[in-house]
Protein backbone atom coordinates (compact mmCIF):
# COMPACT_ATOMS: atom_id res chain seq x y z
CA MET A 1 0.00 0.00 0.00
CA PHE A 2 1.32 3.44 -0.85
CA SER A 3 1.74 6.11 1.79
CA LYS A 4 -0.75 8.96 1.96
CA THR A 5 0.15 12.33 0.51
CA SER A 6 -1.06 15.80 1.36
CA ASN A 7 -4.09 17.29 -0.38
CA SER A 8 -1.89 19.84 -2.16
CA LYS A 9 0.08 17.04 -3.79
CA ARG A 10 -3.14 15.36 -4.95
CA SER A 11 -3.67 18.10 -7.54
CA ARG A 12 -0.74 16.87 -9.67
CA LEU A 13 0.86 13.58 -10.69
CA ARG A 14 3.95 12.88 -12.79
CA LEU A 15 4.42 9.39 -14.17
CA SER A 16 7.11 7.68 -16.23
CA LEU A 17 6.10 4.31 -17.72
CA PRO A 18 8.57 2.14 -19.67
CA GLY A 19 7.96 0.28 -22.88
CA THR A 20 7.91 -3.48 -22.47
CA SER A 21 8.52 -6.64 -24.44
CA ALA A 22 6.40 -9.66 -23.52
CA ASN A 23 6.50 -13.39 -24.27
CA LEU A 24 10.30 -13.41 -24.77
CA GLY A 25 10.13 -16.37 -27.10
CA PRO A 26 8.73 -19.36 -25.18
CA ALA A 27 7.39 -17.51 -22.10
CA PHE A 28 4.05 -16.84 -23.78
CA ASP A 29 1.71 -14.68 -21.66
CA ALA A 30 3.96 -15.26 -18.64
CA ALA A 31 7.10 -13.08 -18.73
CA ALA A 32 8.14 -9.65 -19.95
CA LEU A 33 10.94 -7.13 -19.57
CA ALA A 34 10.95 -3.35 -19.29
CA MET A 35 12.99 -1.32 -21.78
CA ASP A 36 14.65 2.03 -21.25
CA PHE A 37 12.28 4.22 -23.27
CA PHE A 38 9.16 5.71 -21.73
CA ILE A 39 5.87 7.52 -21.97
CA LYS A 40 5.93 10.41 -19.52
CA LEU A 41 2.83 12.14 -18.16
CA ASP A 42 2.28 15.31 -16.18
CA ALA A 43 -1.32 15.45 -14.95
CA ARG A 44 -2.97 18.36 -13.16
CA ALA A 45 -6.49 18.80 -11.84
CA ALA A 46 -8.37 21.16 -14.17
CA GLU A 47 -11.79 22.52 -15.09
CA GLU A 48 -12.02 20.27 -18.15
CA PHE A 49 -10.04 17.51 -19.86
CA SER A 50 -7.23 18.53 -22.23
CA ILE A 51 -4.13 16.86 -23.70
CA ALA A 52 -0.89 18.27 -25.09
CA ALA A 53 1.27 15.55 -26.68
CA THR A 54 4.81 15.35 -28.05
CA GLY A 55 7.03 12.53 -29.28
CA ARG A 56 6.07 9.35 -31.13
CA ASP A 57 2.52 9.04 -32.44
CA ARG A 58 1.64 12.43 -30.99
CA GLU A 59 -1.54 12.59 -33.09
CA ILE A 60 -2.85 9.48 -31.35
CA CYS A 61 -1.57 10.53 -27.93
CA GLY A 62 -3.10 13.98 -28.22
CA LYS A 63 -6.56 12.98 -29.46
CA LEU A 64 -8.95 13.32 -26.53
CA GLN A 65 -11.75 11.24 -28.05
CA ASP A 66 -11.45 7.50 -27.24
CA HIS A 67 -8.16 8.10 -25.44
CA VAL A 68 -7.08 4.91 -23.63
CA ILE A 69 -5.56 6.73 -20.66
CA VAL A 70 -8.53 9.06 -20.14
CA ASN A 71 -11.12 6.32 -20.71
CA THR A 72 -9.39 3.99 -18.25
CA TYR A 73 -9.14 6.80 -15.69
CA ARG A 74 -12.86 7.51 -15.99
CA GLU A 75 -13.90 3.84 -15.87
CA VAL A 76 -11.84 2.99 -12.79
CA LEU A 77 -13.19 5.98 -10.87
CA GLN A 78 -16.76 5.24 -11.92
CA ALA A 79 -16.44 1.59 -10.87
CA ALA A 80 -15.14 2.70 -7.47
CA GLY A 81 -17.91 5.25 -7.05
CA ARG A 82 -15.46 8.17 -6.94
CA ALA A 83 -15.86 11.63 -8.42
CA ILE A 84 -14.12 12.22 -11.74
CA THR A 85 -11.68 15.13 -11.58
CA PRO A 86 -10.99 16.59 -15.06
CA LEU A 87 -7.30 16.57 -15.92
CA GLU A 88 -4.90 18.65 -17.94
CA LEU A 89 -2.47 16.10 -19.40
CA SER A 90 0.97 16.69 -20.88
CA ILE A 91 2.27 13.55 -22.61
CA ALA A 92 5.76 12.94 -23.98
CA ASN A 93 5.78 9.54 -25.66
CA ASP A 94 8.71 7.40 -26.84
CA ILE A 95 6.85 4.05 -27.01
CA PRO A 96 5.80 2.94 -30.52
CA ILE A 97 2.04 2.37 -30.61
CA GLY A 98 0.66 -0.87 -32.03
CA LYS A 99 4.11 -2.37 -32.55
CA GLY A 100 4.33 -4.93 -29.70
CA CYS A 101 6.21 -2.64 -27.32
CA GLY A 102 3.68 -2.45 -24.48
CA SER A 103 2.01 0.84 -25.39
CA SER A 104 -1.45 -0.45 -24.45
CA ALA A 105 -0.35 -1.76 -21.04
CA ALA A 106 1.46 1.51 -20.29
CA ALA A 107 -1.62 3.54 -21.23
CA ARG A 108 -3.95 1.43 -19.10
CA LEU A 109 -1.57 1.56 -16.15
CA ALA A 110 -1.33 5.32 -16.53
CA GLY A 111 -5.11 5.65 -16.41
CA ILE A 112 -5.32 3.38 -13.36
CA ALA A 113 -2.53 5.21 -11.55
CA LEU A 114 -4.23 8.54 -12.24
CA ALA A 115 -7.50 7.17 -10.83
CA VAL A 116 -5.78 5.79 -7.73
CA HIS A 117 -4.02 9.12 -7.14
CA PHE A 118 -6.81 11.62 -7.83
CA GLY A 119 -9.47 9.29 -6.43
CA ARG A 120 -7.45 8.73 -3.25
CA MET A 121 -7.97 4.99 -3.53
CA GLY A 122 -4.78 3.64 -1.93
CA TRP A 123 -4.45 0.53 -4.09
CA SER A 124 -1.57 -1.93 -3.70
CA ASP A 125 0.81 -2.95 -6.49
CA ALA A 126 -1.10 -6.23 -6.86
CA GLN A 127 -4.38 -4.37 -7.34
CA ILE A 128 -2.94 -1.90 -9.85
CA VAL A 129 -1.24 -4.60 -11.92
CA GLY A 130 -4.26 -6.85 -11.55
CA GLU A 131 -6.66 -4.20 -12.86
CA ALA A 132 -4.38 -3.50 -15.84
CA SER A 133 -4.00 -7.23 -16.48
CA ARG A 134 -7.76 -7.77 -16.37
CA ARG A 135 -8.16 -5.10 -19.02
CA GLU A 136 -5.21 -6.41 -21.07
CA HIS A 137 -6.30 -10.06 -20.62
CA HIS A 138 -2.78 -11.09 -19.53
CA PRO A 139 -0.39 -9.75 -16.88
CA ASP A 140 3.06 -9.90 -18.49
CA ASN A 141 3.38 -6.42 -20.02
CA ALA A 142 1.50 -4.76 -17.17
CA SER A 143 3.73 -6.27 -14.47
CA ALA A 144 6.99 -5.40 -16.25
CA CYS A 145 5.81 -1.85 -16.95
CA TRP A 146 4.82 -1.26 -13.34
CA MET A 147 7.67 -3.09 -11.58
CA GLY A 148 10.54 -2.71 -14.05
CA GLY A 149 13.25 -5.27 -14.82
CA LEU A 150 12.08 -8.75 -15.77
CA THR A 151 8.81 -10.06 -14.37
CA VAL A 152 7.00 -13.38 -14.33
CA ALA A 153 3.27 -12.98 -13.67
CA ARG A 154 -0.06 -14.73 -13.49
CA MET A 155 -3.56 -13.63 -12.58
CA SER A 156 -4.73 -14.49 -9.06
CA GLY A 157 -8.51 -14.40 -9.21
CA ASP A 158 -10.27 -11.65 -11.11
CA SER A 159 -8.72 -8.56 -9.58
CA GLU A 160 -5.11 -9.16 -8.52
CA ALA A 161 -1.92 -10.46 -10.10
CA GLN A 162 0.87 -12.52 -8.61
CA VAL A 163 4.17 -11.06 -9.78
CA ALA A 164 7.75 -12.19 -9.31
CA SER A 165 10.34 -9.52 -10.10
CA VAL A 166 13.72 -10.61 -11.39
CA ARG A 167 16.80 -8.41 -11.48
CA PRO A 168 18.77 -9.77 -14.46
CA LYS A 169 22.40 -10.45 -13.68
CA GLY A 170 24.96 -8.72 -15.87
CA LYS A 171 24.44 -6.56 -18.94
CA TRP A 172 21.75 -7.28 -21.51
CA PRO A 173 22.10 -5.01 -24.55
CA LEU A 174 19.15 -5.15 -26.93
CA LEU A 175 18.33 -3.97 -30.42
CA LEU A 176 14.66 -3.43 -31.22
CA ALA A 177 13.63 -3.72 -34.87
CA ILE A 178 10.45 -1.69 -35.42
CA PRO A 179 8.62 -1.92 -38.77
CA GLU A 180 6.53 0.89 -40.15
CA GLN A 181 3.28 -1.09 -40.11
CA SER A 182 1.41 -1.87 -36.89
CA LEU A 183 -0.34 -5.10 -35.90
CA ALA A 184 -3.42 -5.36 -33.71
CA THR A 185 -3.03 -7.82 -30.85
CA GLU A 186 -6.46 -9.27 -31.67
CA GLU A 187 -5.29 -10.11 -35.19
CA ALA A 188 -2.10 -11.73 -33.85
CA ARG A 189 -4.23 -13.79 -31.41
CA ARG A 190 -6.57 -15.06 -34.12
CA VAL A 191 -3.85 -17.03 -35.90
CA LEU A 192 -3.00 -19.13 -32.83
CA PRO A 193 -4.31 -22.71 -32.71
CA ALA A 194 -6.76 -23.87 -30.05
CA GLN A 195 -4.65 -26.90 -29.11
CA TYR A 196 -0.96 -27.85 -29.02
CA SER A 197 0.89 -31.14 -28.95
CA ARG A 198 2.46 -32.36 -25.72
CA ALA A 199 5.89 -32.17 -27.37
CA ASP A 200 5.44 -28.48 -28.18
CA ALA A 201 4.13 -27.70 -24.69
CA VAL A 202 7.03 -29.53 -23.00
CA THR A 203 9.60 -27.79 -25.21
CA ASN A 204 8.20 -24.39 -24.28
CA VAL A 205 8.20 -25.19 -20.56
CA GLN A 206 11.81 -26.34 -20.78
CA ASN A 207 12.92 -23.31 -22.76
CA SER A 208 11.06 -20.90 -20.46
CA MET A 209 12.90 -22.33 -17.46
CA LEU A 210 16.19 -22.12 -19.34
CA LEU A 211 15.43 -18.51 -20.26
CA LEU A 212 14.81 -17.60 -16.62
CA ALA A 213 18.09 -19.29 -15.65
CA ALA A 214 19.92 -17.30 -18.32
CA PHE A 215 18.74 -14.00 -16.82
CA THR A 216 19.21 -14.93 -13.16
CA GLN A 217 22.65 -16.46 -13.67
CA GLY A 218 23.91 -13.95 -16.23
CA ARG A 219 24.24 -16.60 -18.95
CA PRO A 220 23.67 -14.96 -22.36
CA ASP A 221 25.16 -18.10 -23.92
CA LEU A 222 21.93 -19.95 -23.07
CA LEU A 223 19.73 -17.64 -25.12
CA SER A 224 20.21 -19.20 -28.55
CA ALA A 225 18.44 -22.34 -27.32
CA ALA A 226 16.20 -20.73 -24.69
CA LEU A 227 14.46 -18.38 -27.14
CA GLU A 228 13.05 -21.23 -29.24
CA ASP A 229 9.24 -21.14 -29.20
CA ARG A 230 6.56 -23.44 -30.58
CA ILE A 231 3.45 -21.79 -29.15
CA HIS A 232 3.02 -18.45 -30.90
CA GLN A 233 5.95 -17.35 -33.07
CA PRO A 234 5.63 -19.98 -35.84
CA TYR A 235 2.00 -18.99 -36.34
CA ARG A 236 2.62 -15.24 -36.21
CA ALA A 237 5.64 -15.25 -38.52
CA PRO A 238 3.54 -14.69 -41.68
CA LEU A 239 2.16 -11.52 -40.06
CA CYS A 240 5.60 -10.45 -38.83
CA PRO A 241 8.11 -10.91 -41.69
CA LEU A 242 10.94 -9.34 -39.68
CA LEU A 243 11.01 -12.35 -37.37
CA PRO A 244 12.10 -15.19 -39.70
CA SER A 245 14.52 -12.86 -41.42
CA LEU A 246 16.23 -11.76 -38.20
CA GLN A 247 16.25 -15.27 -36.75
CA GLU A 248 18.61 -16.19 -39.58
CA LEU A 249 21.27 -14.02 -37.90
CA LYS A 250 21.36 -16.05 -34.67
CA GLY A 251 24.94 -16.84 -33.70
CA LYS A 252 26.45 -14.34 -36.13
CA ASP A 253 28.32 -11.10 -35.37
CA GLY A 254 27.37 -10.96 -31.68
CA ILE A 255 23.66 -11.70 -32.20
CA LEU A 256 22.49 -14.22 -29.59
CA GLY A 257 18.94 -14.58 -30.83
CA ALA A 258 15.73 -12.81 -31.77
CA ALA A 259 12.13 -13.01 -30.59
CA LEU A 260 8.87 -11.25 -31.32
CA SER A 261 8.33 -8.28 -29.06
CA GLY A 262 4.94 -9.01 -27.57
CA ALA A 263 2.53 -10.05 -30.29
CA GLY A 264 4.71 -8.32 -32.92
CA PRO A 265 5.39 -7.03 -35.44
CA SER A 266 8.54 -5.60 -33.78
CA VAL A 267 11.41 -7.99 -33.06
CA LEU A 268 13.70 -7.90 -30.04
CA ILE A 269 17.30 -8.85 -30.78
CA PHE A 270 19.53 -9.98 -27.90
CA LEU A 271 23.17 -9.01 -28.25
CA ASP A 272 26.39 -10.38 -26.82
CA PRO A 273 27.55 -7.80 -24.21
CA ARG A 274 31.00 -7.91 -25.82
CA ALA A 275 29.71 -7.12 -29.30
CA SER A 276 30.04 -3.75 -31.01
CA LEU A 277 26.59 -2.19 -31.21
CA GLN A 278 27.58 -0.13 -34.24
CA LYS A 279 28.75 -3.23 -36.08
CA VAL A 280 25.65 -5.21 -35.20
CA ARG A 281 23.36 -2.42 -36.41
CA LYS A 282 25.18 -2.36 -39.76
CA VAL A 283 24.92 -6.14 -40.09
CA VAL A 284 21.21 -6.13 -39.28
CA ALA A 285 20.48 -3.20 -41.59
CA ALA A 286 22.34 -4.84 -44.47
CA HIS A 287 20.54 -8.14 -43.92
CA LEU A 288 17.12 -6.47 -43.90
CA LEU A 289 17.98 -4.56 -47.07
CA GLN A 290 18.98 -7.82 -48.74
CA CYS A 291 15.64 -9.33 -47.66
CA ARG A 292 13.80 -6.24 -48.96
CA LEU A 293 12.55 -5.38 -45.49
CA ALA A 294 12.71 -2.10 -43.61
CA ALA A 295 12.76 -1.32 -39.90
CA GLU A 296 13.87 1.30 -37.44
CA LEU A 297 16.71 -0.16 -35.36
CA LEU A 298 16.49 1.16 -31.81
CA PRO A 299 19.28 0.32 -29.32
CA THR A 300 17.86 -0.29 -25.86
CA SER A 301 18.42 -2.31 -22.68
CA ILE A 302 16.52 -3.69 -19.72
CA THR A 303 15.56 -0.96 -17.26
CA LEU A 304 14.93 -1.60 -13.58
CA ARG A 305 12.89 1.60 -13.34
CA GLY A 306 9.22 0.73 -13.61
CA ALA A 307 6.24 3.09 -13.37
CA ARG A 308 5.86 2.23 -9.69
CA ALA A 309 9.05 4.16 -8.90
CA SER A 310 7.67 7.48 -10.18
CA PHE A 311 4.26 6.82 -8.60
CA ALA A 312 5.66 5.99 -5.16
CA ARG A 313 7.69 9.21 -5.06
CA GLN A 314 4.61 11.43 -5.32
């Protein structure tokens, strides 16, 4: 439970929510990591709702109608029977929207955090993550965005989430390949089969455990095997052409492996900590050009600073 703040502090809230990458290959709907780029909000109590947006997708972020943050804020307060305080929002966004980088989870968490703050609701971490997970239909992105680092999560009942936070050992440099086109999560879900073979399920359980061991023991050498997935990536590859192309680079020039970021279409590339980032970017760019594919290549890393940190300081 968060400590109470004075009434004067209740009139304003600043939040910083990181982008996230879920699934991480075999850990489908179970694990995610937070990346070091953010959506930042400055919210003030006002006479009416307004939004000023800068950064990525500012047209979407600045459109008041059907705004995910504002709608979530209203809905949570209404469900709790609290008065709705209009807000003046300033948004600076660095998270690509609709690209598998956790923009939806960050927006929902922002709306929930605003409701908890301005509605004086005093929710716990489990309640905040649980509410976001209920709205997202899975807790991986929401838990990583709120807690930071690497998280493993599951829903506990209808309203709370059980979350285990992992502080990865060592350095984990990443390269995020972001295509121009977006992909709706609902569309990526539709291509998944209703049933899987026991062999595929066992392989994913084994690889998920190996992946967790790689992070906790600081073993990047385990990633090439641990990132293998049979549950979602083979079925989503036709919708996400970057994935099969970039998987061809595994084991070359400091590239440990690649996995869909969330439901795609972006791809998260794990790099050897000893590799030259500049060289890897050139290799990846040249390979994509040869495959007649295009993507923004964004260097990033795992951040331990989740949204909770900025919320708890208020």
